[in-house]
C-alpha atoms as a PDB file:
ATOM      1  CA  UNK A   1       0.010   0.089   0.140  1.00  0.00           C
ATOM      2  CA  UNK A   2       1.029   3.671  -0.752  1.00  0.00           C
ATOM      3  CA  UNK A   3      -0.009   6.970   0.353  1.00  0.00           C
ATOM      4  CA  UNK A   4      -2.376   8.592  -1.740  1.00  0.00           C
ATOM      5  CA  UNK A   5      -0.725  11.823  -1.474  1.00  0.00           C
ATOM      6  CA  UNK A   6       2.016  13.624  -0.107  1.00  0.00           C
ATOM      7  CA  UNK A   7       1.565  17.368   1.142  1.00  0.00           C
ATOM      8  CA  UNK A   8       4.590  19.704   1.652  1.00  0.00           C
ATOM      9  CA  UNK A   9       5.194  22.616   3.466  1.00  0.00           C
ATOM     10  CA  UNK A  10       7.281  24.823   1.441  1.00  0.00           C
ATOM     11  CA  UNK A  11       9.563  27.133   3.264  1.00  0.00           C
ATOM     12  CA  UNK A  12      12.239  24.911   5.197  1.00  0.00           C
ATOM     13  CA  UNK A  13      11.019  21.870   3.239  1.00  0.00           C
ATOM     14  CA  UNK A  14      11.387  22.594  -0.245  1.00  0.00           C
ATOM     15  CA  UNK A  15      13.363  25.707   0.029  1.00  0.00           C
ATOM     16  CA  UNK A  16      14.756  27.966   2.947  1.00  0.00           C
ATOM     17  CA  UNK A  17      13.683  31.465   2.274  1.00  0.00           C
ATOM     18  CA  UNK A  18      13.364  31.838   6.080  1.00  0.00           C
ATOM     19  CA  UNK A  19      16.813  34.287   5.716  1.00  0.00           C
ATOM     20  CA  UNK A  20      14.839  36.396   3.010  1.00  0.00           C
ATOM     21  CA  UNK A  21      11.968  36.885   5.643  1.00  0.00           C
ATOM     22  CA  UNK A  22      13.977  37.751   8.356  1.00  0.00           C
ATOM     23  CA  UNK A  23      15.969  40.465   6.353  1.00  0.00           C
ATOM     24  CA  UNK A  24      12.663  41.803   5.259  1.00  0.00           C
ATOM     25  CA  UNK A  25      11.055  41.733   8.694  1.00  0.00           C
ATOM     26  CA  UNK A  26      14.396  43.208  10.364  1.00  0.00           C
ATOM     27  CA  UNK A  27      14.362  46.140   7.753  1.00  0.00           C
ATOM     28  CA  UNK A  28      10.561  46.984   8.674  1.00  0.00           C
ATOM     29  CA  UNK A  29      11.018  46.511  12.318  1.00  0.00           C
ATOM     30  CA  UNK A  30      13.808  48.688  12.781  1.00  0.00           C
ATOM     31  CA  UNK A  31      11.751  51.385  10.638  1.00  0.00           C
ATOM     32  CA  UNK A  32       9.362  51.120  13.617  1.00  0.00           C
ATOM     33  CA  UNK A  33      12.045  51.157  16.178  1.00  0.00           C
ATOM     34  CA  UNK A  34      12.176  47.516  17.049  1.00  0.00           C
ATOM     35  CA  UNK A  35      15.217  45.342  16.940  1.00  0.00           C
ATOM     36  CA  UNK A  36      14.650  41.435  16.202  1.00  0.00           C
ATOM     37  CA  UNK A  37      17.389  38.836  15.374  1.00  0.00           C
ATOM     38  CA  UNK A  38      17.365  35.386  13.814  1.00  0.00           C
ATOM     39  CA  UNK A  39      16.457  33.712  17.016  1.00  0.00           C
ATOM     40  CA  UNK A  40      13.113  35.806  17.306  1.00  0.00           C
ATOM     41  CA  UNK A  41      12.674  35.146  13.538  1.00  0.00           C
ATOM     42  CA  UNK A  42      12.483  31.425  14.323  1.00  0.00           C
ATOM     43  CA  UNK A  43       9.451  31.905  16.231  1.00  0.00           C
ATOM     44  CA  UNK A  44       7.550  33.306  13.241  1.00  0.00           C
ATOM     45  CA  UNK A  45       8.205  29.843  11.544  1.00  0.00           C
ATOM     46  CA  UNK A  46       4.797  28.661   9.801  1.00  0.00           C
ATOM     47  CA  UNK A  47       2.513  31.535  10.713  1.00  0.00           C
ATOM     48  CA  UNK A  48       0.778  34.066   8.768  1.00  0.00           C
ATOM     49  CA  UNK A  49       2.210  37.703   7.782  1.00  0.00           C
ATOM     50  CA  UNK A  50      -0.534  39.330   9.855  1.00  0.00           C
ATOM     51  CA  UNK A  51       0.322  37.177  12.795  1.00  0.00           C
ATOM     52  CA  UNK A  52       4.111  37.641  12.340  1.00  0.00           C
ATOM     53  CA  UNK A  53       3.550  41.439  12.693  1.00  0.00           C
ATOM     54  CA  UNK A  54       1.628  41.238  15.785  1.00  0.00           C
ATOM     55  CA  UNK A  55       4.308  39.404  17.366  1.00  0.00           C
ATOM     56  CA  UNK A  56       6.891  41.787  16.359  1.00  0.00           C
ATOM     57  CA  UNK A  57       4.915  44.749  17.668  1.00  0.00           C
ATOM     58  CA  UNK A  58       4.447  42.521  21.098  1.00  0.00           C
ATOM     59  CA  UNK A  59       8.218  42.017  21.026  1.00  0.00           C
ATOM     60  CA  UNK A  60       8.877  46.060  20.853  1.00  0.00           C
ATOM     61  CA  UNK A  61       6.036  46.811  23.028  1.00  0.00           C
ATOM     62  CA  UNK A  62       3.955  48.784  20.277  1.00  0.00           C
ATOM     63  CA  UNK A  63       1.054  46.106  19.553  1.00  0.00           C
ATOM     64  CA  UNK A  64      -1.625  48.959  20.377  1.00  0.00           C
ATOM     65  CA  UNK A  65       0.135  51.804  18.554  1.00  0.00           C
ATOM     66  CA  UNK A  66      -0.952  50.922  15.106  1.00  0.00           C
ATOM     67  CA  UNK A  67      -4.364  50.873  13.854  1.00  0.00           C
ATOM     68  CA  UNK A  68      -5.456  48.266  11.476  1.00  0.00           C
ATOM     69  CA  UNK A  69      -5.014  50.054   8.305  1.00  0.00           C
ATOM     70  CA  UNK A  70      -1.397  50.972   9.240  1.00  0.00           C
ATOM     71  CA  UNK A  71      -0.636  47.149  10.021  1.00  0.00           C
ATOM     72  CA  UNK A  72      -1.791  46.382   6.543  1.00  0.00           C
ATOM     73  CA  UNK A  73       0.599  49.051   5.282  1.00  0.00           C
ATOM     74  CA  UNK A  74       3.429  47.872   7.177  1.00  0.00           C
ATOM     75  CA  UNK A  75       2.772  44.244   6.369  1.00  0.00           C
ATOM     76  CA  UNK A  76       2.544  45.166   2.625  1.00  0.00           C
ATOM     77  CA  UNK A  77       5.728  47.068   2.826  1.00  0.00           C
ATOM     78  CA  UNK A  78       7.544  43.675   4.401  1.00  0.00           C
ATOM     79  CA  UNK A  79       6.106  41.586   1.656  1.00  0.00           C
ATOM     80  CA  UNK A  80       7.164  44.208  -1.214  1.00  0.00           C
ATOM     81  CA  UNK A  81      10.631  43.938   0.449  1.00  0.00           C
ATOM     82  CA  UNK A  82      10.388  40.016   0.442  1.00  0.00           C
ATOM     83  CA  UNK A  83       9.376  39.607  -3.274  1.00  0.00           C
ATOM     84  CA  UNK A  84      12.020  41.975  -4.245  1.00  0.00           C
ATOM     85  CA  UNK A  85      14.674  39.542  -2.771  1.00  0.00           C
ATOM     86  CA  UNK A  86      12.860  36.559  -4.671  1.00  0.00           C
ATOM     87  CA  UNK A  87      14.495  37.686  -7.756  1.00  0.00           C
ATOM     88  CA  UNK A  88      17.474  35.929  -6.563  1.00  0.00           C
ATOM     89  CA  UNK A  89      15.932  32.539  -5.658  1.00  0.00           C
ATOM     90  CA  UNK A  90      17.052  29.888  -8.554  1.00  0.00           C
ATOM     91  CA  UNK A  91      16.302  26.119  -8.765  1.00  0.00           C
ATOM     92  CA  UNK A  92      19.919  25.770  -7.053  1.00  0.00           C
ATOM     93  CA  UNK A  93      17.865  26.922  -3.659  1.00  0.00           C
ATOM     94  CA  UNK A  94      15.840  23.733  -3.827  1.00  0.00           C
ATOM     95  CA  UNK A  95      16.795  21.835  -0.634  1.00  0.00           C
ATOM     96  CA  UNK A  96      18.756  18.761  -0.638  1.00  0.00           C
ATOM     97  CA  UNK A  97      16.873  15.645  -1.991  1.00  0.00           C
ATOM     98  CA  UNK A  98      13.712  17.312  -2.745  1.00  0.00           C
ATOM     99  CA  UNK A  99      13.797  17.512  -6.548  1.00  0.00           C
ATOM    100  CA  UNK A 100      14.790  13.814  -6.673  1.00  0.00           C
ATOM    101  CA  UNK A 101      11.794  13.033  -4.050  1.00  0.00           C
ATOM    102  CA  UNK A 102       9.018  14.714  -6.245  1.00  0.00           C
ATOM    103  CA  UNK A 103      10.208  13.173  -9.256  1.00  0.00           C
ATOM    104  CA  UNK A 104       9.810   9.730  -8.007  1.00  0.00           C
ATOM    105  CA  UNK A 105       6.545  10.331  -6.352  1.00  0.00           C
ATOM    106  CA  UNK A 106       5.439  11.030 -10.137  1.00  0.00           C
ATOM    107  CA  UNK A 107       6.811   7.702 -11.242  1.00  0.00           C
ATOM    108  CA  UNK A 108       5.095   6.217  -8.441  1.00  0.00           C
ATOM    109  CA  UNK A 109       1.664   8.104  -9.448  1.00  0.00           C
ATOM    110  CA  UNK A 110       1.633   9.510  -5.655  1.00  0.00           C
ATOM    111  CA  UNK A 111      -0.086  12.873  -5.699  1.00  0.00           C
ATOM    112  CA  UNK A 112       1.967  16.056  -4.587  1.00  0.00           C
ATOM    113  CA  UNK A 113       0.466  18.996  -2.771  1.00  0.00           C
ATOM    114  CA  UNK A 114       1.902  22.061  -0.977  1.00  0.00           C
ATOM    115  CA  UNK A 115       0.380  23.416   1.978  1.00  0.00           C
ATOM    116  CA  UNK A 116       1.806  26.996   2.856  1.00  0.00           C
ATOM    117  CA  UNK A 117       0.503  29.995   4.309  1.00  0.00           C
ATOM    118  CA  UNK A 118       2.404  32.136   2.161  1.00  0.00           C
ATOM    119  CA  UNK A 119       0.646  34.141  -0.545  1.00  0.00           C
ATOM    120  CA  UNK A 120       3.805  34.173  -2.752  1.00  0.00           C
ATOM    121  CA  UNK A 121       3.856  30.305  -2.744  1.00  0.00           C
ATOM    122  CA  UNK A 122       3.236  30.405  -6.512  1.00  0.00           C
ATOM    123  CA  UNK A 123       5.961  32.907  -7.297  1.00  0.00           C
ATOM    124  CA  UNK A 124       8.374  30.942  -5.412  1.00  0.00           C
ATOM    125  CA  UNK A 125       7.620  27.501  -7.265  1.00  0.00           C
ATOM    126  CA  UNK A 126       7.877  29.201 -10.814  1.00  0.00           C
ATOM    127  CA  UNK A 127      11.514  30.661  -9.583  1.00  0.00           C
ATOM    128  CA  UNK A 128      12.311  27.248  -8.585  1.00  0.00           C
ATOM    129  CA  UNK A 129      10.751  25.743 -11.599  1.00  0.00           C
ATOM    130  CA  UNK A 130       8.990  23.063  -9.717  1.00  0.00           C
ATOM    131  CA  UNK A 131       5.438  24.167 -10.793  1.00  0.00           C
ATOM    132  CA  UNK A 132       4.766  21.284 -12.763  1.00  0.00           C
ATOM    133  CA  UNK A 133       5.939  18.831  -9.783  1.00  0.00           C
ATOM    134  CA  UNK A 134       2.735  19.984  -7.724  1.00  0.00           C
ATOM    135  CA  UNK A 135      -0.513  18.798  -8.412  1.00  0.00           C
ATOM    136  CA  UNK A 136      -2.331  21.407  -6.028  1.00  0.00           C
ATOM    137  CA  UNK A 137      -1.297  24.170  -4.188  1.00  0.00           C
ATOM    138  CA  UNK A 138      -2.959  25.452  -0.971  1.00  0.00           C
ATOM    139  CA  UNK A 139      -2.081  28.787   0.071  1.00  0.00           C
ATOM    140  CA  UNK A 140      -3.122  31.775   2.754  1.00  0.00           C
ATOM    141  CA  UNK A 141      -5.620  32.842  -0.067  1.00  0.00           C
ATOM    142  CA  UNK A 142      -7.835  29.769   0.609  1.00  0.00           C
ATOM    143  CA  UNK A 143      -7.922  29.820   4.233  1.00  0.00           C
ATOM    144  CA  UNK A 144      -9.150  31.765   7.231  1.00  0.00           C
ATOM    145  CA  UNK A 145      -7.080  30.229  10.085  1.00  0.00           C
ATOM    146  CA  UNK A 146      -3.338  29.984  10.362  1.00  0.00           C
ATOM    147  CA  UNK A 147      -1.369  26.948  11.394  1.00  0.00           C
ATOM    148  CA  UNK A 148      -1.457  25.212  13.877  1.00  0.00           C
ATOM    149  CA  UNK A 149      -5.540  25.186  12.760  1.00  0.00           C
ATOM    150  CA  UNK A 150      -5.568  22.126  10.216  1.00  0.00           C
ATOM    151  CA  UNK A 151      -7.415  24.176   7.762  1.00  0.00           C
ATOM    152  CA  UNK A 152      -4.378  24.623   5.218  1.00  0.00           C
ATOM    153  CA  UNK A 153      -3.642  21.064   5.170  1.00  0.00           C
ATOM    154  CA  UNK A 154      -7.247  19.878   4.764  1.00  0.00           C
ATOM    155  CA  UNK A 155      -7.557  22.771   2.075  1.00  0.00           C
ATOM    156  CA  UNK A 156      -4.530  20.639   0.183  1.00  0.00           C
ATOM    157  CA  UNK A 157      -6.203  17.329   0.956  1.00  0.00           C
ATOM    158  CA  UNK A 158      -9.724  18.632  -0.720  1.00  0.00           C
ATOM    159  CA  UNK A 159      -7.750  20.111  -3.490  1.00  0.00           C
ATOM    160  CA  UNK A 160      -6.117  16.542  -4.352  1.00  0.00           C
ATOM    161  CA  UNK A 161      -9.467  14.809  -3.484  1.00  0.00           C
ATOM    162  CA  UNK A 162      -7.959  12.975  -0.938  1.00  0.00           C
ATOM    163  CA  UNK A 163      -8.609  11.634   2.785  1.00  0.00           C
ATOM    164  CA  UNK A 164      -6.214  13.225   5.161  1.00  0.00           C
ATOM    165  CA  UNK A 165      -5.957   9.633   6.811  1.00  0.00           C
ATOM    166  CA  UNK A 166      -4.443   8.349   3.293  1.00  0.00           C
ATOM    167  CA  UNK A 167      -1.972  11.138   3.177  1.00  0.00           C
ATOM    168  CA  UNK A 168       1.553  12.070   4.565  1.00  0.00           C
ATOM    169  CA  UNK A 169       2.433  15.927   5.818  1.00  0.00           C
ATOM    170  CA  UNK A 170       6.032  17.022   5.859  1.00  0.00           C
ATOM    171  CA  UNK A 171       6.768  20.388   7.743  1.00  0.00           C
ATOM    172  CA  UNK A 172       9.729  21.783   9.324  1.00  0.00           C
ATOM    173  CA  UNK A 173       7.743  23.989  11.845  1.00  0.00           C
ATOM    174  CA  UNK A 174       6.034  23.003  15.230  1.00  0.00           C
ATOM    175  CA  UNK A 175       2.925  24.756  14.247  1.00  0.00           C
ATOM    176  CA  UNK A 176       2.756  22.729  10.957  1.00  0.00           C
ATOM    177  CA  UNK A 177       3.370  19.588  12.790  1.00  0.00           C
ATOM    178  CA  UNK A 178       0.661  20.045  15.113  1.00  0.00           C
ATOM    179  CA  UNK A 179      -1.776  21.097  12.127  1.00  0.00           C
ATOM    180  CA  UNK A 180      -0.815  17.947  10.176  1.00  0.00           C
ATOM    181  CA  UNK A 181      -1.647  15.866  13.230  1.00  0.00           C
ATOM    182  CA  UNK A 182      -4.897  17.441  14.193  1.00  0.00           C
ATOM    183  CA  UNK A 183      -6.294  17.093  10.722  1.00  0.00           C
ATOM    184  CA  UNK A 184      -5.429  13.024  10.896  1.00  0.00           C
ATOM    185  CA  UNK A 185      -2.683  12.894   8.601  1.00  0.00           C
ATOM    186  CA  UNK A 186       0.623  11.178   9.344  1.00  0.00           C
ATOM    187  CA  UNK A 187       3.450  13.693  10.132  1.00  0.00           C
ATOM    188  CA  UNK A 188       6.879  13.842   9.050  1.00  0.00           C
ATOM    189  CA  UNK A 189       8.937  16.542  10.700  1.00  0.00           C
ATOM    190  CA  UNK A 190      12.218  17.959   9.459  1.00  0.00           C
ATOM    191  CA  UNK A 191      14.478  19.166  12.442  1.00  0.00           C
ATOM    192  CA  UNK A 192      15.561  17.885  15.644  1.00  0.00           C
ATOM    193  CA  UNK A 193      13.683  20.338  17.707  1.00  0.00           C
ATOM    194  CA  UNK A 194      10.170  19.461  16.764  1.00  0.00           C
ATOM    195  CA  UNK A 195       8.001  17.464  18.952  1.00  0.00           C
ATOM    196  CA  UNK A 196       5.078  15.194  18.162  1.00  0.00           C
ATOM    197  CA  UNK A 197       5.857  14.037  14.448  1.00  0.00           C
ATOM    198  CA  UNK A 198       5.295  10.493  13.687  1.00  0.00           C
ATOM    199  CA  UNK A 199       8.756  10.651  12.044  1.00  0.00           C
ATOM    200  CA  UNK A 200      11.415  13.060  12.641  1.00  0.00           C
ATOM    201  CA  UNK A 201      14.142  13.700  10.455  1.00  0.00           C
ATOM    202  CA  UNK A 202      17.378  15.978  10.912  1.00  0.00           C
ATOM    203  CA  UNK A 203      17.452  17.264   7.197  1.00  0.00           C
ATOM    204  CA  UNK A 204      15.876  16.881   3.909  1.00  0.00           C
ATOM    205  CA  UNK A 205      18.607  14.640   2.761  1.00  0.00           C
ATOM    206  CA  UNK A 206      16.830  11.812   4.518  1.00  0.00           C
ATOM    207  CA  UNK A 207      13.756  12.495   2.893  1.00  0.00           C
ATOM    208  CA  UNK A 208      13.577   9.524   0.310  1.00  0.00           C
ATOM    209  CA  UNK A 209      10.650   7.485  -1.235  1.00  0.00           C
ATOM    210  CA  UNK A 210      12.366   4.353   0.363  1.00  0.00           C
ATOM    211  CA  UNK A 211      12.378   6.092   3.845  1.00  0.00           C
ATOM    212  CA  UNK A 212       8.690   7.429   3.413  1.00  0.00           C
ATOM    213  CA  UNK A 213       7.205   4.097   2.006  1.00  0.00           C
ATOM    214  CA  UNK A 214       8.890   2.204   5.251  1.00  0.00           C
ATOM    215  CA  UNK A 215       7.319   4.730   7.298  1.00  0.00           C
ATOM    216  CA  UNK A 216       3.908   4.342   5.483  1.00  0.00           C
ATOM    217  CA  UNK A 217       3.908   0.543   6.280  1.00  0.00           C
ATOM    218  CA  UNK A 218       4.203   0.985   9.814  1.00  0.00           C
ATOM    219  CA  UNK A 219       1.360  -0.087  11.865  1.00  0.00           C
ATOM    220  CA  UNK A 220      -0.650  -0.118   8.720  1.00  0.00           C
END
């Protein structure tokens, strides 16, 4: 037996744009008189742009300083900086083992989905030349609640026309692992600091079809 589909998070699993997000947020935060570092940026993994901004404002003690409209303008400024930085993204930025895995899943006739809270996900896949390797992409435009709510993974399963229980979800953020588990998918975590994943791998280099196939057979 094989899984019907495998659903991937984007940032930290397919490619790593966390540093580009950090540079954009740091520039915007500095303009607001708030200093953030890469350790703080790690706490923004897997959550939406609006929620990220709220955490930055809380970090700087300015959560009540800006109106909703002003916060939207700040978030839009960050996104513009981030989109500009994506021009440097090439297929070489795909994380180790991912291209090979996606090609193999095509051969195995296993559906592939993307579950990313980034509205820029389609542009990122295009820059990486990976659009054709995904059957469906669920992004923030399709949901109301961000991870750890399972909505985005449920949206991906719905778009792929598969049941969550017949799928594997792959994430590098704790919020993402919690979301996968909440919707009944089997979870694979990338990174040693995650908890609750059904399978935990240190890096994407270990994310191979033989590994996932053996994992799927467990307790089946």
